[in-house]
Amino acid sequence: MSGSPGPGFFAVRPARIEDAATIVDFNLRPRSVTEKKELELTVVTAGVDAILRDPRLGRYFVAVDGDRILGQLMVTEEWSDWRNGRILWPQSVYVDAAARGRGVFRRMLAQVHKIGRSEGVVGIRLYVENTNRRAQET
């Protein structure tokens, strides 16, 4: 891809409003594979738009190779009274099939850890579907 520093290179950055269509598409994909649920396009589109416009609701990060989005991860947070601090929840994770095996998820999760350290969060929680063996192995 032109503008890319070399094979295998990709970066992780905060998602932008112009990434919305790809994020919606990625959000619709995994549900049919791992959860056997069909999501409604208009609801998902509105939900993604809400987060991209109001970071208090959550934050999306995307892994990109040039202009191509390879994967996404959304982070929401909660307050823990037991730990007196914020906990980050990575969710809505998706890596495009053509980009799997390149460390995309690991790099996105590393970005969440970096943010957590810089913002003083007390924990990060990640849940995986019981039947999603590949995600558990990752």
C-alpha atoms as a PDB file:
ATOM      1  CA  MET A   1       0.000   0.000   0.000  1.00  0.00           C
ATOM      2  CA  SER A   2       1.450   3.377  -0.880  1.00  0.00           C
ATOM      3  CA  GLY A   3       2.430   5.580   2.013  1.00  0.00           C
ATOM      4  CA  SER A   4       3.113   2.570   4.217  1.00  0.00           C
ATOM      5  CA  PRO A   5       6.662   2.309   5.636  1.00  0.00           C
ATOM      6  CA  GLY A   6       6.948  -1.376   4.831  1.00  0.00           C
ATOM      7  CA  PRO A   7       5.382  -4.825   5.036  1.00  0.00           C
ATOM      8  CA  GLY A   8       3.913  -5.684   8.402  1.00  0.00           C
ATOM      9  CA  PHE A   9       3.962  -2.094   9.633  1.00  0.00           C
ATOM     10  CA  PHE A  10       0.815  -0.729  11.174  1.00  0.00           C
ATOM     11  CA  ALA A  11      -0.037   1.867  13.783  1.00  0.00           C
ATOM     12  CA  VAL A  12      -2.744   2.219  16.413  1.00  0.00           C
ATOM     13  CA  ARG A  13      -4.534   5.542  16.695  1.00  0.00           C
ATOM     14  CA  PRO A  14      -7.746   6.947  18.151  1.00  0.00           C
ATOM     15  CA  ALA A  15     -10.654   6.458  15.783  1.00  0.00           C
ATOM     16  CA  ARG A  16     -12.044   9.446  13.920  1.00  0.00           C
ATOM     17  CA  ILE A  17     -15.543  10.194  12.705  1.00  0.00           C
ATOM     18  CA  GLU A  18     -14.545   9.222   9.163  1.00  0.00           C
ATOM     19  CA  ASP A  19     -13.761   5.702  10.451  1.00  0.00           C
ATOM     20  CA  ALA A  20     -17.399   5.167  11.460  1.00  0.00           C
ATOM     21  CA  ALA A  21     -18.502   3.110   8.442  1.00  0.00           C
ATOM     22  CA  THR A  22     -15.671   0.602   8.892  1.00  0.00           C
ATOM     23  CA  ILE A  23     -16.245   0.394  12.637  1.00  0.00           C
ATOM     24  CA  VAL A  24     -19.942  -0.293  12.063  1.00  0.00           C
ATOM     25  CA  ASP A  25     -19.073  -2.963   9.496  1.00  0.00           C
ATOM     26  CA  PHE A  26     -16.587  -4.585  11.875  1.00  0.00           C
ATOM     27  CA  ASN A  27     -19.117  -4.448  14.732  1.00  0.00           C
ATOM     28  CA  LEU A  28     -21.668  -6.287  12.640  1.00  0.00           C
ATOM     29  CA  ARG A  29     -19.279  -9.070  11.609  1.00  0.00           C
ATOM     30  CA  PRO A  30     -18.266 -10.907  14.785  1.00  0.00           C
ATOM     31  CA  ARG A  31     -21.721 -11.260  16.264  1.00  0.00           C
ATOM     32  CA  SER A  32     -22.789 -13.754  13.634  1.00  0.00           C
ATOM     33  CA  VAL A  33     -19.583 -15.764  14.107  1.00  0.00           C
ATOM     34  CA  THR A  34     -19.198 -15.924  17.905  1.00  0.00           C
ATOM     35  CA  GLU A  35     -22.531 -14.987  19.404  1.00  0.00           C
ATOM     36  CA  LYS A  36     -25.011 -16.070  16.726  1.00  0.00           C
ATOM     37  CA  LYS A  37     -26.762 -12.707  17.058  1.00  0.00           C
ATOM     38  CA  GLU A  38     -27.869 -10.407  14.296  1.00  0.00           C
ATOM     39  CA  LEU A  39     -27.530  -6.741  15.174  1.00  0.00           C
ATOM     40  CA  GLU A  40     -29.575  -3.936  13.696  1.00  0.00           C
ATOM     41  CA  LEU A  41     -27.580  -1.680  11.378  1.00  0.00           C
ATOM     42  CA  THR A  42     -29.335   1.541  12.396  1.00  0.00           C
ATOM     43  CA  VAL A  43     -28.812   0.871  16.100  1.00  0.00           C
ATOM     44  CA  VAL A  44     -25.120  -0.005  15.687  1.00  0.00           C
ATOM     45  CA  THR A  45     -24.567   3.020  13.434  1.00  0.00           C
ATOM     46  CA  ALA A  46     -26.137   5.350  16.000  1.00  0.00           C
ATOM     47  CA  GLY A  47     -24.133   3.741  18.814  1.00  0.00           C
ATOM     48  CA  VAL A  48     -20.810   4.108  17.007  1.00  0.00           C
ATOM     49  CA  ASP A  49     -21.628   7.704  16.067  1.00  0.00           C
ATOM     50  CA  ALA A  50     -22.500   8.495  19.693  1.00  0.00           C
ATOM     51  CA  ILE A  51     -19.147   7.258  20.987  1.00  0.00           C
ATOM     52  CA  LEU A  52     -17.127   8.955  18.256  1.00  0.00           C
ATOM     53  CA  ARG A  53     -18.840  12.256  19.083  1.00  0.00           C
ATOM     54  CA  ASP A  54     -18.822  11.931  22.898  1.00  0.00           C
ATOM     55  CA  PRO A  55     -15.678  10.385  24.427  1.00  0.00           C
ATOM     56  CA  ARG A  56     -17.374  10.233  27.841  1.00  0.00           C
ATOM     57  CA  LEU A  57     -19.255   7.195  26.475  1.00  0.00           C
ATOM     58  CA  GLY A  58     -16.142   5.346  25.353  1.00  0.00           C
ATOM     59  CA  ARG A  59     -13.243   5.482  22.938  1.00  0.00           C
ATOM     60  CA  TYR A  60     -12.458   3.541  19.802  1.00  0.00           C
ATOM     61  CA  PHE A  61      -8.946   2.757  18.658  1.00  0.00           C
ATOM     62  CA  VAL A  62      -8.100   1.435  15.222  1.00  0.00           C
ATOM     63  CA  ALA A  63      -5.057  -0.357  13.883  1.00  0.00           C
ATOM     64  CA  VAL A  64      -4.186   1.061  10.481  1.00  0.00           C
ATOM     65  CA  ASP A  65      -1.853   0.228   7.639  1.00  0.00           C
ATOM     66  CA  GLY A  66      -1.825   3.416   5.598  1.00  0.00           C
ATOM     67  CA  ASP A  67      -5.486   4.215   4.981  1.00  0.00           C
ATOM     68  CA  ARG A  68      -6.688   0.662   5.608  1.00  0.00           C
ATOM     69  CA  ILE A  69      -8.217  -0.182   8.983  1.00  0.00           C
ATOM     70  CA  LEU A  70      -7.004  -3.601  10.096  1.00  0.00           C
ATOM     71  CA  GLY A  71      -8.822  -3.814  13.401  1.00  0.00           C
ATOM     72  CA  GLN A  72     -10.683  -1.971  16.098  1.00  0.00           C
ATOM     73  CA  LEU A  73     -11.108  -1.958  19.835  1.00  0.00           C
ATOM     74  CA  MET A  74     -13.518   0.082  21.944  1.00  0.00           C
ATOM     75  CA  VAL A  75     -12.765   1.016  25.537  1.00  0.00           C
ATOM     76  CA  THR A  76     -15.367   1.938  28.111  1.00  0.00           C
ATOM     77  CA  GLU A  77     -14.767   2.479  31.786  1.00  0.00           C
ATOM     78  CA  GLU A  78     -16.373   2.000  35.145  1.00  0.00           C
ATOM     79  CA  TRP A  79     -15.680   3.235  38.634  1.00  0.00           C
ATOM     80  CA  SER A  80     -14.629   0.655  41.209  1.00  0.00           C
ATOM     81  CA  ASP A  81     -15.566   1.556  44.767  1.00  0.00           C
ATOM     82  CA  TRP A  82     -13.603  -1.457  46.020  1.00  0.00           C
ATOM     83  CA  ARG A  83     -10.440  -0.208  44.345  1.00  0.00           C
ATOM     84  CA  ASN A  84     -11.199   3.525  44.419  1.00  0.00           C
ATOM     85  CA  GLY A  85     -10.368   3.961  40.767  1.00  0.00           C
ATOM     86  CA  ARG A  86     -11.288   3.557  37.130  1.00  0.00           C
ATOM     87  CA  ILE A  87     -11.305   0.224  35.302  1.00  0.00           C
ATOM     88  CA  LEU A  88     -11.001   0.077  31.518  1.00  0.00           C
ATOM     89  CA  TRP A  89     -13.054  -2.455  29.554  1.00  0.00           C
ATOM     90  CA  PRO A  90     -11.794  -3.302  26.052  1.00  0.00           C
ATOM     91  CA  GLN A  91     -14.702  -4.542  23.961  1.00  0.00           C
ATOM     92  CA  SER A  92     -16.082  -4.573  20.421  1.00  0.00           C
ATOM     93  CA  VAL A  93     -12.755  -6.045  19.359  1.00  0.00           C
ATOM     94  CA  TYR A  94     -12.414  -7.064  15.748  1.00  0.00           C
ATOM     95  CA  VAL A  95      -9.434  -7.768  13.514  1.00  0.00           C
ATOM     96  CA  ASP A  96     -10.044  -8.173   9.795  1.00  0.00           C
ATOM     97  CA  ALA A  97      -9.459 -11.777   8.712  1.00  0.00           C
ATOM     98  CA  ALA A  98      -6.697 -10.732   6.278  1.00  0.00           C
ATOM     99  CA  ALA A  99      -4.784  -9.029   9.115  1.00  0.00           C
ATOM    100  CA  ARG A 100      -4.990 -11.789  11.722  1.00  0.00           C
ATOM    101  CA  GLY A 101      -1.757 -13.264  12.962  1.00  0.00           C
ATOM    102  CA  ARG A 102       0.110  -9.951  12.621  1.00  0.00           C
ATOM    103  CA  GLY A 103      -0.189  -8.888  16.264  1.00  0.00           C
ATOM    104  CA  VAL A 104      -2.959  -6.363  15.620  1.00  0.00           C
ATOM    105  CA  PHE A 105      -4.945  -7.198  18.751  1.00  0.00           C
ATOM    106  CA  ARG A 106      -1.826  -7.296  20.896  1.00  0.00           C
ATOM    107  CA  ARG A 107      -0.772  -3.849  19.726  1.00  0.00           C
ATOM    108  CA  MET A 108      -4.254  -2.402  20.318  1.00  0.00           C
ATOM    109  CA  LEU A 109      -4.326  -3.924  23.808  1.00  0.00           C
ATOM    110  CA  ALA A 110      -0.839  -2.523  24.465  1.00  0.00           C
ATOM    111  CA  GLN A 111      -2.255   0.907  23.593  1.00  0.00           C
ATOM    112  CA  VAL A 112      -4.997   0.407  26.202  1.00  0.00           C
ATOM    113  CA  HIS A 113      -2.343  -0.533  28.784  1.00  0.00           C
ATOM    114  CA  LYS A 114      -0.312   2.562  27.895  1.00  0.00           C
ATOM    115  CA  ILE A 115      -3.365   4.782  28.298  1.00  0.00           C
ATOM    116  CA  GLY A 116      -4.260   3.060  31.548  1.00  0.00           C
ATOM    117  CA  ARG A 117      -0.815   3.694  33.003  1.00  0.00           C
ATOM    118  CA  SER A 118      -0.777   7.327  31.876  1.00  0.00           C
ATOM    119  CA  GLU A 119      -4.279   7.983  33.264  1.00  0.00           C
ATOM    120  CA  GLY A 120      -3.794   6.108  36.547  1.00  0.00           C
ATOM    121  CA  VAL A 121      -6.476   3.454  36.057  1.00  0.00           C
ATOM    122  CA  VAL A 122      -6.529   0.621  38.588  1.00  0.00           C
ATOM    123  CA  GLY A 123      -7.359  -2.223  36.239  1.00  0.00           C
ATOM    124  CA  ILE A 124      -8.234  -3.515  32.796  1.00  0.00           C
ATOM    125  CA  ARG A 125     -10.844  -6.219  32.243  1.00  0.00           C
ATOM    126  CA  LEU A 126     -11.336  -8.207  29.075  1.00  0.00           C
ATOM    127  CA  TYR A 127     -14.003 -10.855  28.652  1.00  0.00           C
ATOM    128  CA  VAL A 128     -14.126 -13.402  25.852  1.00  0.00           C
ATOM    129  CA  GLU A 129     -17.080 -15.543  24.770  1.00  0.00           C
ATOM    130  CA  ASN A 130     -16.855 -19.102  26.129  1.00  0.00           C
ATOM    131  CA  THR A 131     -17.174 -20.536  22.629  1.00  0.00           C
ATOM    132  CA  ASN A 132     -14.607 -18.238  20.976  1.00  0.00           C
ATOM    133  CA  ARG A 133     -11.546 -20.499  21.286  1.00  0.00           C
ATOM    134  CA  ARG A 134      -9.393 -18.480  18.901  1.00  0.00           C
ATOM    135  CA  ALA A 135      -9.882 -15.311  20.946  1.00  0.00           C
ATOM    136  CA  GLN A 136      -9.102 -17.208  24.154  1.00  0.00           C
ATOM    137  CA  GLU A 137      -5.860 -18.502  22.653  1.00  0.00           C
ATOM    138  CA  THR A 138      -4.902 -14.981  21.600  1.00  0.00           C
END
